Amino acid sequence: MATAYVLINCELGKEETIIESLKHLDSVKEVYGTFGAYDVIAKIEHAEKEKLREIIIWSIRKIEYIRSTLTLMGIEGQN
């Protein structure tokens, strides 16, 4: 199982809108609003690493009001 954590910067006041959008994506397992440099963090899982990449690029990064993302990929076997 491939895992990634996506740290998200969004437009001011749109955090809850983005969190709700992320909750509707099947591969999103957890999502939280955060304090600090990023506004939202999402844990994404999928059986195929390539499919995980596609979800991040074509589904998550295209959500309205997202300004930028930083993706951290988990190392398989180090969990």
N, C-alpha and C. Protein backbone atom coordinates (compact mmCIF):
# COMPACT_ATOMS: atom_id res chain seq x y z
N MET A 1 0.84 -1.18 0.00
CA MET A 1 0.00 0.00 0.00
C MET A 1 0.88 1.24 0.00
N ALA A 2 0.72 2.10 -0.97
CA ALA A 2 1.48 3.35 -1.05
C ALA A 2 0.75 4.41 -0.22
N THR A 3 1.53 5.20 0.51
CA THR A 3 0.98 6.24 1.37
C THR A 3 1.67 7.56 1.08
N ALA A 4 0.88 8.63 1.08
CA ALA A 4 1.43 9.97 0.93
C ALA A 4 0.69 10.91 1.87
N TYR A 5 1.41 11.92 2.32
CA TYR A 5 0.81 12.99 3.11
C TYR A 5 0.91 14.25 2.26
N VAL A 6 -0.23 14.90 2.06
CA VAL A 6 -0.25 16.10 1.23
C VAL A 6 -0.53 17.29 2.13
N LEU A 7 0.44 18.22 2.19
CA LEU A 7 0.31 19.44 2.96
C LEU A 7 -0.20 20.51 2.01
N ILE A 8 -1.24 21.22 2.43
CA ILE A 8 -1.96 22.10 1.51
C ILE A 8 -2.02 23.52 2.04
N ASN A 9 -1.72 24.48 1.18
CA ASN A 9 -1.98 25.90 1.43
C ASN A 9 -3.21 26.29 0.63
N CYS A 10 -4.12 26.99 1.26
CA CYS A 10 -5.35 27.37 0.56
C CYS A 10 -5.64 28.85 0.75
N GLU A 11 -6.63 29.31 0.03
CA GLU A 11 -7.04 30.70 0.17
C GLU A 11 -7.64 30.90 1.56
N LEU A 12 -7.45 32.07 2.10
CA LEU A 12 -7.90 32.41 3.45
C LEU A 12 -9.40 32.15 3.62
N GLY A 13 -9.77 31.39 4.64
CA GLY A 13 -11.16 31.12 4.95
C GLY A 13 -11.78 29.96 4.19
N LYS A 14 -11.01 29.28 3.34
CA LYS A 14 -11.54 28.18 2.52
C LYS A 14 -11.13 26.80 3.04
N GLU A 15 -10.55 26.76 4.23
CA GLU A 15 -10.06 25.49 4.78
C GLU A 15 -11.17 24.44 4.88
N GLU A 16 -12.30 24.80 5.44
CA GLU A 16 -13.39 23.84 5.63
C GLU A 16 -13.96 23.36 4.30
N THR A 17 -14.02 24.22 3.32
CA THR A 17 -14.48 23.84 1.99
C THR A 17 -13.55 22.78 1.38
N ILE A 18 -12.25 23.00 1.51
CA ILE A 18 -11.28 22.06 0.98
C ILE A 18 -11.32 20.74 1.75
N ILE A 19 -11.43 20.80 3.06
CA ILE A 19 -11.53 19.58 3.87
C ILE A 19 -12.73 18.75 3.43
N GLU A 20 -13.86 19.37 3.22
CA GLU A 20 -15.06 18.64 2.78
C GLU A 20 -14.86 18.03 1.40
N SER A 21 -14.21 18.75 0.50
CA SER A 21 -13.93 18.20 -0.84
C SER A 21 -13.02 16.99 -0.75
N LEU A 22 -12.00 17.06 0.10
CA LEU A 22 -11.06 15.95 0.25
C LEU A 22 -11.73 14.71 0.83
N LYS A 23 -12.68 14.90 1.74
CA LYS A 23 -13.37 13.77 2.36
C LYS A 23 -14.15 12.93 1.35
N HIS A 24 -14.48 13.50 0.21
CA HIS A 24 -15.25 12.79 -0.82
C HIS A 24 -14.38 11.97 -1.77
N LEU A 25 -13.06 12.06 -1.63
CA LEU A 25 -12.15 11.28 -2.48
C LEU A 25 -11.86 9.95 -1.78
N ASP A 26 -12.06 8.84 -2.49
CA ASP A 26 -11.92 7.51 -1.91
C ASP A 26 -10.56 7.24 -1.29
N SER A 27 -9.51 7.71 -1.88
CA SER A 27 -8.17 7.39 -1.40
C SER A 27 -7.73 8.25 -0.22
N VAL A 28 -8.49 9.27 0.10
CA VAL A 28 -8.18 10.11 1.25
C VAL A 28 -8.66 9.39 2.50
N LYS A 29 -7.70 9.01 3.36
CA LYS A 29 -8.02 8.24 4.57
C LYS A 29 -8.20 9.12 5.79
N GLU A 30 -7.47 10.23 5.85
CA GLU A 30 -7.58 11.18 6.96
C GLU A 30 -7.34 12.58 6.42
N VAL A 31 -8.00 13.55 7.03
CA VAL A 31 -7.77 14.94 6.65
C VAL A 31 -8.00 15.82 7.88
N TYR A 32 -7.10 16.80 8.07
CA TYR A 32 -7.15 17.67 9.24
C TYR A 32 -6.81 19.10 8.86
N GLY A 33 -7.46 20.05 9.50
CA GLY A 33 -7.02 21.43 9.45
C GLY A 33 -5.83 21.56 10.38
N THR A 34 -4.88 22.43 10.05
CA THR A 34 -3.66 22.56 10.86
C THR A 34 -3.35 24.02 11.13
N PHE A 35 -2.54 24.24 12.16
CA PHE A 35 -1.94 25.55 12.42
C PHE A 35 -0.51 25.50 11.92
N GLY A 36 0.01 26.63 11.49
CA GLY A 36 1.41 26.66 11.06
C GLY A 36 1.54 27.04 9.60
N ALA A 37 2.59 26.52 8.98
CA ALA A 37 2.92 26.89 7.60
C ALA A 37 1.90 26.38 6.58
N TYR A 38 1.18 25.30 6.91
CA TYR A 38 0.19 24.72 6.00
C TYR A 38 -1.19 24.77 6.67
N ASP A 39 -2.23 24.79 5.84
CA ASP A 39 -3.60 24.94 6.34
C ASP A 39 -4.31 23.60 6.54
N VAL A 40 -3.98 22.61 5.72
CA VAL A 40 -4.66 21.32 5.73
C VAL A 40 -3.62 20.23 5.46
N ILE A 41 -3.79 19.07 6.10
CA ILE A 41 -2.97 17.90 5.79
C ILE A 41 -3.91 16.74 5.50
N ALA A 42 -3.57 15.97 4.47
CA ALA A 42 -4.39 14.81 4.08
C ALA A 42 -3.50 13.59 3.94
N LYS A 43 -3.97 12.47 4.46
CA LYS A 43 -3.28 11.19 4.30
C LYS A 43 -3.97 10.44 3.16
N ILE A 44 -3.19 10.07 2.16
CA ILE A 44 -3.71 9.41 0.97
C ILE A 44 -3.11 8.01 0.89
N GLU A 45 -3.93 7.01 0.57
CA GLU A 45 -3.44 5.65 0.40
C GLU A 45 -4.04 5.04 -0.86
N HIS A 46 -3.23 4.25 -1.54
CA HIS A 46 -3.70 3.49 -2.70
C HIS A 46 -2.77 2.30 -2.91
N ALA A 47 -3.29 1.24 -3.45
CA ALA A 47 -2.49 0.03 -3.69
C ALA A 47 -1.38 0.27 -4.71
N GLU A 48 -1.61 1.17 -5.67
CA GLU A 48 -0.64 1.44 -6.73
C GLU A 48 -0.03 2.82 -6.58
N LYS A 49 1.29 2.89 -6.54
CA LYS A 49 1.99 4.17 -6.38
C LYS A 49 1.66 5.14 -7.52
N GLU A 50 1.59 4.65 -8.75
CA GLU A 50 1.28 5.51 -9.90
C GLU A 50 -0.12 6.10 -9.78
N LYS A 51 -1.08 5.32 -9.32
CA LYS A 51 -2.44 5.80 -9.14
C LYS A 51 -2.49 6.86 -8.05
N LEU A 52 -1.70 6.67 -7.01
CA LEU A 52 -1.60 7.66 -5.93
C LEU A 52 -1.11 8.99 -6.48
N ARG A 53 -0.10 8.94 -7.33
CA ARG A 53 0.43 10.15 -7.96
C ARG A 53 -0.64 10.85 -8.80
N GLU A 54 -1.40 10.08 -9.56
CA GLU A 54 -2.47 10.64 -10.39
C GLU A 54 -3.55 11.31 -9.54
N ILE A 55 -3.91 10.70 -8.43
CA ILE A 55 -4.92 11.28 -7.54
C ILE A 55 -4.45 12.63 -7.02
N ILE A 56 -3.19 12.70 -6.62
CA ILE A 56 -2.66 13.96 -6.10
C ILE A 56 -2.64 15.03 -7.18
N ILE A 57 -2.15 14.68 -8.37
CA ILE A 57 -2.02 15.67 -9.44
C ILE A 57 -3.37 16.07 -10.03
N TRP A 58 -4.22 15.10 -10.35
CA TRP A 58 -5.43 15.38 -11.11
C TRP A 58 -6.69 15.55 -10.27
N SER A 59 -6.66 15.15 -9.01
CA SER A 59 -7.85 15.32 -8.17
C SER A 59 -7.61 16.36 -7.08
N ILE A 60 -6.58 16.15 -6.27
CA ILE A 60 -6.36 17.03 -5.14
C ILE A 60 -5.87 18.41 -5.57
N ARG A 61 -4.85 18.48 -6.41
CA ARG A 61 -4.30 19.78 -6.79
C ARG A 61 -5.23 20.61 -7.65
N LYS A 62 -6.29 19.99 -8.18
CA LYS A 62 -7.26 20.72 -9.00
C LYS A 62 -8.45 21.26 -8.19
N ILE A 63 -8.48 20.96 -6.88
CA ILE A 63 -9.59 21.46 -6.04
C ILE A 63 -9.52 22.97 -5.98
N GLU A 64 -10.66 23.60 -6.17
CA GLU A 64 -10.74 25.05 -6.13
C GLU A 64 -10.29 25.58 -4.78
N TYR A 65 -9.59 26.69 -4.77
CA TYR A 65 -9.08 27.41 -3.60
C TYR A 65 -7.76 26.85 -3.05
N ILE A 66 -7.24 25.75 -3.61
CA ILE A 66 -5.93 25.29 -3.20
C ILE A 66 -4.88 26.12 -3.93
N ARG A 67 -3.96 26.72 -3.18
CA ARG A 67 -2.91 27.54 -3.77
C ARG A 67 -1.64 26.75 -4.04
N SER A 68 -1.27 25.84 -3.11
CA SER A 68 -0.06 25.05 -3.31
C SER A 68 -0.13 23.80 -2.45
N THR A 69 0.70 22.81 -2.82
CA THR A 69 0.78 21.57 -2.05
C THR A 69 2.23 21.15 -1.90
N LEU A 70 2.48 20.34 -0.89
CA LEU A 70 3.77 19.68 -0.69
C LEU A 70 3.44 18.24 -0.36
N THR A 71 3.97 17.30 -1.14
CA THR A 71 3.66 15.89 -0.95
C THR A 71 4.84 15.16 -0.34
N LEU A 72 4.57 14.41 0.72
CA LEU A 72 5.56 13.57 1.37
C LEU A 72 5.15 12.12 1.16
N MET A 73 5.98 11.36 0.45
CA MET A 73 5.69 9.96 0.17
C MET A 73 6.30 9.09 1.27
N GLY A 74 5.51 8.15 1.76
CA GLY A 74 5.99 7.22 2.76
C GLY A 74 6.94 6.21 2.14
N ILE A 75 7.91 5.74 2.92
CA ILE A 75 8.84 4.71 2.47
C ILE A 75 8.26 3.36 2.90
N GLU A 76 7.98 2.52 1.92
CA GLU A 76 7.39 1.22 2.23
C GLU A 76 8.35 0.41 3.10
N GLY A 77 7.81 -0.20 4.13
CA GLY A 77 8.61 -1.00 5.05
C GLY A 77 9.12 -0.22 6.26
N GLN A 78 8.97 1.09 6.24
CA GLN A 78 9.39 1.91 7.38
C GLN A 78 8.17 2.53 8.05
N ASN A 79 7.29 1.66 8.50
CA ASN A 79 6.09 2.17 9.19
C ASN A 79 5.89 1.43 10.48
